[in-house]
Structures are given as structure tokens and as C-alpha cells.
Amino acid sequence: MDKGFTLIELAVTLVVLSLILGIGAPPMMDMMQNARIRSTSTQLVSALQMGKSIAIRNNTTAVVTLNADKSWTVEAPQGTVVNKGTISAVSGITPVPAANVVSFNSLGSITNNVSISITGPSACRENGGDITCLRVEVLAGGAIHACDPSNPGGDNACSL
């Protein structure tokens, strides 16, 4: 009696394995894109919170700048860079208004609401896609949070 696999058994096993991988790969890619977007929103919220904290702690203004190379800086007056970092790779980071600068005053508030959309390479859920794109909002009173624009009225709904 021979031990081992026949060619037919090996072929059937490979077909079943490829079917399982083919079914599971697209949801796994969506999950990875969603994780990158969540990570980016967390990084942006942290950078903005840092700028707000520095402004309040030092009783001065602090500026958080989103740079074109997907990095950010927190600056105190006279352009002193307090901290800087790089945002993980996602397809799009779009601030509204178009200025890439958020300036906090000594009370931790800003003059205008700011909304920063974070998108992936695929279509967002609110546009009929499978990716949960997020938005980081900074309200005039200084509140900073990440929200889901595809979930109006939900727990994580956007204000702007």
C-alpha cells in the first residue's frame, strides 16, 4: 500500500483552497483599507488634540499643519515646531476649508469649523462602495472627533 497523495487528491485540494481564498480575499482587502483609514483618523485626532493642549497649557496659539507629503506639524508661536509626525498611507486627506492649517487659541477653540475627509483607494460607503471613509471634525468650540459620514444620525454621526 502506497503512502502519499494522488495527483487527483492534490488537484482537488488546490481547487478547494483557491475557492476559499478567492471568496475571502476581497473582504480582507476592505478590512485592511478600513483599518488604514481608522489609523489615519486616530493620528489626525491625536495631532489636533496635541495642538489644542499646547495652546491651552501655554496660554498662547498653536498651529497644526497638514503638509502635502502627508505629514503634520504642531507649532507654537514664532514657528517653534513642538512635534511632528507622518500620517499612514491612505489615498486621500481633504481638509475643508481648503487651508491645511488649524489654529487653536489660548482657550483651545478655533475661529471656523474644520472638516478633514479621509478616503481610501476604493469608493466610500456613502458613495455606494464598501469602504468606511471617515471625517475628522474640529468644531469652533474646540471639540475634535472622528465621525462616519455614511452614518447620519448614528452613534458616530458627523456634525458638519
C-alpha atoms as a PDB file:
ATOM      1  CA  MET A   1       0.000   0.000   0.000  1.00  0.00           C
ATOM      2  CA  ASP A   2       1.464   3.307  -1.085  1.00  0.00           C
ATOM      3  CA  LYS A   3       1.544   6.259   1.255  1.00  0.00           C
ATOM      4  CA  GLY A   4       1.006   9.772  -0.037  1.00  0.00           C
ATOM      5  CA  PHE A   5      -1.423  11.734  -2.161  1.00  0.00           C
ATOM      6  CA  THR A   6      -2.541  11.021  -5.663  1.00  0.00           C
ATOM      7  CA  LEU A   7      -2.436  13.714  -8.285  1.00  0.00           C
ATOM      8  CA  ILE A   8      -6.234  13.930  -8.294  1.00  0.00           C
ATOM      9  CA  GLU A   9      -6.390  14.409  -4.496  1.00  0.00           C
ATOM     10  CA  LEU A  10      -3.789  17.163  -4.716  1.00  0.00           C
ATOM     11  CA  ALA A  11      -5.651  18.889  -7.572  1.00  0.00           C
ATOM     12  CA  VAL A  12      -8.982  18.763  -5.701  1.00  0.00           C
ATOM     13  CA  THR A  13      -7.318  20.178  -2.576  1.00  0.00           C
ATOM     14  CA  LEU A  14      -5.795  23.045  -4.562  1.00  0.00           C
ATOM     15  CA  VAL A  15      -9.134  23.866  -6.219  1.00  0.00           C
ATOM     16  CA  VAL A  16     -10.950  23.937  -2.861  1.00  0.00           C
ATOM     17  CA  LEU A  17      -8.183  26.053  -1.311  1.00  0.00           C
ATOM     18  CA  SER A  18      -8.226  28.555  -4.185  1.00  0.00           C
ATOM     19  CA  LEU A  19     -12.032  28.852  -3.945  1.00  0.00           C
ATOM     20  CA  ILE A  20     -11.800  29.600  -0.224  1.00  0.00           C
ATOM     21  CA  LEU A  21      -9.080  32.199  -0.799  1.00  0.00           C
ATOM     22  CA  GLY A  22     -10.976  33.747  -3.706  1.00  0.00           C
ATOM     23  CA  ILE A  23     -14.075  34.209  -1.573  1.00  0.00           C
ATOM     24  CA  GLY A  24     -12.181  35.554   1.452  1.00  0.00           C
ATOM     25  CA  ALA A  25      -9.666  37.884  -0.214  1.00  0.00           C
ATOM     26  CA  PRO A  26     -11.956  40.834  -1.170  1.00  0.00           C
ATOM     27  CA  PRO A  27     -13.430  41.228   2.355  1.00  0.00           C
ATOM     28  CA  MET A  28      -9.900  41.025   3.758  1.00  0.00           C
ATOM     29  CA  MET A  29      -8.746  43.853   1.454  1.00  0.00           C
ATOM     30  CA  ASP A  30     -11.719  46.013   2.542  1.00  0.00           C
ATOM     31  CA  MET A  31     -10.890  45.295   6.177  1.00  0.00           C
ATOM     32  CA  MET A  32      -7.268  46.368   5.646  1.00  0.00           C
ATOM     33  CA  GLN A  33      -8.331  49.610   3.902  1.00  0.00           C
ATOM     34  CA  ASN A  34     -10.795  50.375   6.712  1.00  0.00           C
ATOM     35  CA  ALA A  35      -8.032  49.780   9.288  1.00  0.00           C
ATOM     36  CA  ARG A  36      -5.694  52.207   7.463  1.00  0.00           C
ATOM     37  CA  ILE A  37      -8.398  54.867   7.363  1.00  0.00           C
ATOM     38  CA  ARG A  38      -9.158  54.402  11.098  1.00  0.00           C
ATOM     39  CA  SER A  39      -5.443  54.605  11.885  1.00  0.00           C
ATOM     40  CA  THR A  40      -5.106  57.832   9.886  1.00  0.00           C
ATOM     41  CA  SER A  41      -8.125  59.403  11.606  1.00  0.00           C
ATOM     42  CA  THR A  42      -6.691  58.465  15.017  1.00  0.00           C
ATOM     43  CA  GLN A  43      -3.337  60.033  14.095  1.00  0.00           C
ATOM     44  CA  LEU A  44      -5.028  63.249  12.947  1.00  0.00           C
ATOM     45  CA  VAL A  45      -7.210  63.464  16.056  1.00  0.00           C
ATOM     46  CA  SER A  46      -4.102  62.962  18.240  1.00  0.00           C
ATOM     47  CA  ALA A  47      -2.154  65.677  16.392  1.00  0.00           C
ATOM     48  CA  LEU A  48      -5.064  68.100  16.691  1.00  0.00           C
ATOM     49  CA  GLN A  49      -5.558  67.278  20.386  1.00  0.00           C
ATOM     50  CA  MET A  50      -1.843  67.930  20.938  1.00  0.00           C
ATOM     51  CA  GLY A  51      -2.108  71.348  19.271  1.00  0.00           C
ATOM     52  CA  LYS A  52      -5.147  72.223  21.374  1.00  0.00           C
ATOM     53  CA  SER A  53      -3.415  71.078  24.593  1.00  0.00           C
ATOM     54  CA  ILE A  54      -0.276  73.108  23.836  1.00  0.00           C
ATOM     55  CA  ALA A  55      -2.365  76.230  23.175  1.00  0.00           C
ATOM     56  CA  ILE A  56      -4.252  75.865  26.456  1.00  0.00           C
ATOM     57  CA  ARG A  57      -1.216  74.864  28.544  1.00  0.00           C
ATOM     58  CA  ASN A  58       0.954  77.746  27.305  1.00  0.00           C
ATOM     59  CA  ASN A  59      -1.902  80.274  27.114  1.00  0.00           C
ATOM     60  CA  THR A  60      -0.988  81.071  23.523  1.00  0.00           C
ATOM     61  CA  THR A  61      -1.867  79.992  19.992  1.00  0.00           C
ATOM     62  CA  ALA A  62      -0.768  76.718  18.456  1.00  0.00           C
ATOM     63  CA  VAL A  63      -0.975  75.728  14.817  1.00  0.00           C
ATOM     64  CA  VAL A  64      -1.413  72.214  13.414  1.00  0.00           C
ATOM     65  CA  THR A  65      -0.366  71.994   9.758  1.00  0.00           C
ATOM     66  CA  LEU A  66      -1.210  69.135   7.388  1.00  0.00           C
ATOM     67  CA  ASN A  67       1.582  69.053   4.824  1.00  0.00           C
ATOM     68  CA  ALA A  68       1.368  67.904   1.196  1.00  0.00           C
ATOM     69  CA  ASP A  69       3.706  64.958   1.920  1.00  0.00           C
ATOM     70  CA  LYS A  70       1.103  63.511   4.359  1.00  0.00           C
ATOM     71  CA  SER A  71       2.963  64.692   7.422  1.00  0.00           C
ATOM     72  CA  TRP A  72       1.814  67.032  10.180  1.00  0.00           C
ATOM     73  CA  THR A  73       3.479  69.541  12.468  1.00  0.00           C
ATOM     74  CA  VAL A  74       2.398  71.246  15.675  1.00  0.00           C
ATOM     75  CA  GLU A  75       3.891  74.709  16.054  1.00  0.00           C
ATOM     76  CA  ALA A  76       3.887  77.157  18.928  1.00  0.00           C
ATOM     77  CA  PRO A  77       4.320  80.919  18.330  1.00  0.00           C
ATOM     78  CA  GLN A  78       7.343  82.122  16.369  1.00  0.00           C
ATOM     79  CA  GLY A  79       7.250  78.885  14.325  1.00  0.00           C
ATOM     80  CA  THR A  80       8.742  76.670  17.043  1.00  0.00           C
ATOM     81  CA  VAL A  81       7.969  73.081  15.988  1.00  0.00           C
ATOM     82  CA  VAL A  82       6.738  71.272  19.090  1.00  0.00           C
ATOM     83  CA  ASN A  83       6.040  67.928  17.457  1.00  0.00           C
ATOM     84  CA  LYS A  84       5.709  66.369  14.027  1.00  0.00           C
ATOM     85  CA  GLY A  85       4.719  63.065  12.521  1.00  0.00           C
ATOM     86  CA  THR A  86       3.769  61.220   9.370  1.00  0.00           C
ATOM     87  CA  ILE A  87       0.276  60.086   8.511  1.00  0.00           C
ATOM     88  CA  SER A  88      -0.071  56.461   7.418  1.00  0.00           C
ATOM     89  CA  ALA A  89      -0.661  55.925   3.719  1.00  0.00           C
ATOM     90  CA  VAL A  90      -4.236  56.383   2.560  1.00  0.00           C
ATOM     91  CA  SER A  91      -5.437  57.699  -0.766  1.00  0.00           C
ATOM     92  CA  GLY A  92      -6.953  60.987   0.222  1.00  0.00           C
ATOM     93  CA  ILE A  93      -6.876  63.528   3.026  1.00  0.00           C
ATOM     94  CA  THR A  94      -9.009  66.521   2.123  1.00  0.00           C
ATOM     95  CA  PRO A  95      -9.401  69.427   4.553  1.00  0.00           C
ATOM     96  CA  VAL A  96     -12.428  71.724   4.268  1.00  0.00           C
ATOM     97  CA  PRO A  97     -11.928  74.668   4.106  1.00  0.00           C
ATOM     98  CA  ALA A  98      -9.005  74.038   1.766  1.00  0.00           C
ATOM     99  CA  ALA A  99      -6.437  75.537   4.154  1.00  0.00           C
ATOM    100  CA  ASN A 100      -4.217  72.846   5.645  1.00  0.00           C
ATOM    101  CA  VAL A 101      -3.782  74.786   8.886  1.00  0.00           C
ATOM    102  CA  VAL A 102      -5.832  74.562  12.092  1.00  0.00           C
ATOM    103  CA  SER A 103      -5.028  77.298  14.594  1.00  0.00           C
ATOM    104  CA  PHE A 104      -6.083  76.920  18.248  1.00  0.00           C
ATOM    105  CA  ASN A 105      -6.273  79.946  20.538  1.00  0.00           C
ATOM    106  CA  SER A 106      -5.385  80.016  24.251  1.00  0.00           C
ATOM    107  CA  LEU A 107      -8.859  78.703  25.125  1.00  0.00           C
ATOM    108  CA  GLY A 108      -8.476  75.699  22.819  1.00  0.00           C
ATOM    109  CA  SER A 109     -11.044  76.877  20.307  1.00  0.00           C
ATOM    110  CA  ILE A 110     -10.775  77.797  16.629  1.00  0.00           C
ATOM    111  CA  THR A 111     -12.459  80.536  14.603  1.00  0.00           C
ATOM    112  CA  ASN A 112     -14.018  78.347  11.867  1.00  0.00           C
ATOM    113  CA  ASN A 113     -15.185  74.755  11.790  1.00  0.00           C
ATOM    114  CA  VAL A 114     -12.767  72.423  10.003  1.00  0.00           C
ATOM    115  CA  SER A 115     -13.611  69.083   8.418  1.00  0.00           C
ATOM    116  CA  ILE A 116     -10.922  66.684   7.143  1.00  0.00           C
ATOM    117  CA  SER A 117     -12.140  63.808   4.950  1.00  0.00           C
ATOM    118  CA  ILE A 118     -10.102  60.612   4.864  1.00  0.00           C
ATOM    119  CA  THR A 119     -10.680  58.279   1.924  1.00  0.00           C
ATOM    120  CA  GLY A 120      -9.226  55.040   0.614  1.00  0.00           C
ATOM    121  CA  PRO A 121      -8.459  53.842  -2.916  1.00  0.00           C
ATOM    122  CA  SER A 122     -11.956  52.327  -3.281  1.00  0.00           C
ATOM    123  CA  ALA A 123     -15.338  54.032  -3.235  1.00  0.00           C
ATOM    124  CA  CYS A 124     -16.633  55.099   0.163  1.00  0.00           C
ATOM    125  CA  ARG A 125     -19.787  53.604   1.624  1.00  0.00           C
ATOM    126  CA  GLU A 126     -21.725  56.882   1.262  1.00  0.00           C
ATOM    127  CA  ASN A 127     -20.970  56.718  -2.494  1.00  0.00           C
ATOM    128  CA  GLY A 128     -22.076  53.091  -2.834  1.00  0.00           C
ATOM    129  CA  GLY A 129     -18.699  51.468  -2.095  1.00  0.00           C
ATOM    130  CA  ASP A 130     -17.540  49.031   0.562  1.00  0.00           C
ATOM    131  CA  ILE A 131     -15.039  51.225   2.432  1.00  0.00           C
ATOM    132  CA  THR A 132     -15.963  53.190   5.559  1.00  0.00           C
ATOM    133  CA  CYS A 133     -14.334  56.541   4.919  1.00  0.00           C
ATOM    134  CA  LEU A 134     -14.089  58.820   7.946  1.00  0.00           C
ATOM    135  CA  ARG A 135     -14.063  62.536   8.628  1.00  0.00           C
ATOM    136  CA  VAL A 136     -12.186  64.344  11.395  1.00  0.00           C
ATOM    137  CA  GLU A 137     -14.085  67.399  12.559  1.00  0.00           C
ATOM    138  CA  VAL A 138     -12.846  70.318  14.639  1.00  0.00           C
ATOM    139  CA  LEU A 139     -15.756  72.453  15.785  1.00  0.00           C
ATOM    140  CA  ALA A 140     -15.428  76.145  16.600  1.00  0.00           C
ATOM    141  CA  GLY A 141     -15.575  75.448  20.346  1.00  0.00           C
ATOM    142  CA  GLY A 142     -12.546  73.158  20.023  1.00  0.00           C
ATOM    143  CA  ALA A 143     -14.282  69.763  20.064  1.00  0.00           C
ATOM    144  CA  ILE A 144     -12.307  67.239  17.989  1.00  0.00           C
ATOM    145  CA  HIS A 145     -13.707  63.895  16.871  1.00  0.00           C
ATOM    146  CA  ALA A 146     -13.672  61.341  14.069  1.00  0.00           C
ATOM    147  CA  CYS A 147     -17.025  60.503  12.522  1.00  0.00           C
ATOM    148  CA  ASP A 148     -18.610  58.375   9.811  1.00  0.00           C
ATOM    149  CA  PRO A 149     -20.316  60.480   7.092  1.00  0.00           C
ATOM    150  CA  SER A 150     -22.214  57.401   5.840  1.00  0.00           C
ATOM    151  CA  ASN A 151     -24.000  57.031   9.201  1.00  0.00           C
ATOM    152  CA  PRO A 152     -26.182  60.153   9.662  1.00  0.00           C
ATOM    153  CA  GLY A 153     -27.967  60.135  12.986  1.00  0.00           C
ATOM    154  CA  GLY A 154     -25.942  57.184  14.285  1.00  0.00           C
ATOM    155  CA  ASP A 155     -23.596  56.980  17.265  1.00  0.00           C
ATOM    156  CA  ASN A 156     -20.663  58.211  15.210  1.00  0.00           C
ATOM    157  CA  ALA A 157     -22.532  60.797  13.092  1.00  0.00           C
ATOM    158  CA  CYS A 158     -20.838  63.887  11.702  1.00  0.00           C
ATOM    159  CA  SER A 159     -21.870  67.398  12.743  1.00  0.00           C
ATOM    160  CA  LEU A 160     -20.695  69.306   9.664  1.00  0.00           C
END
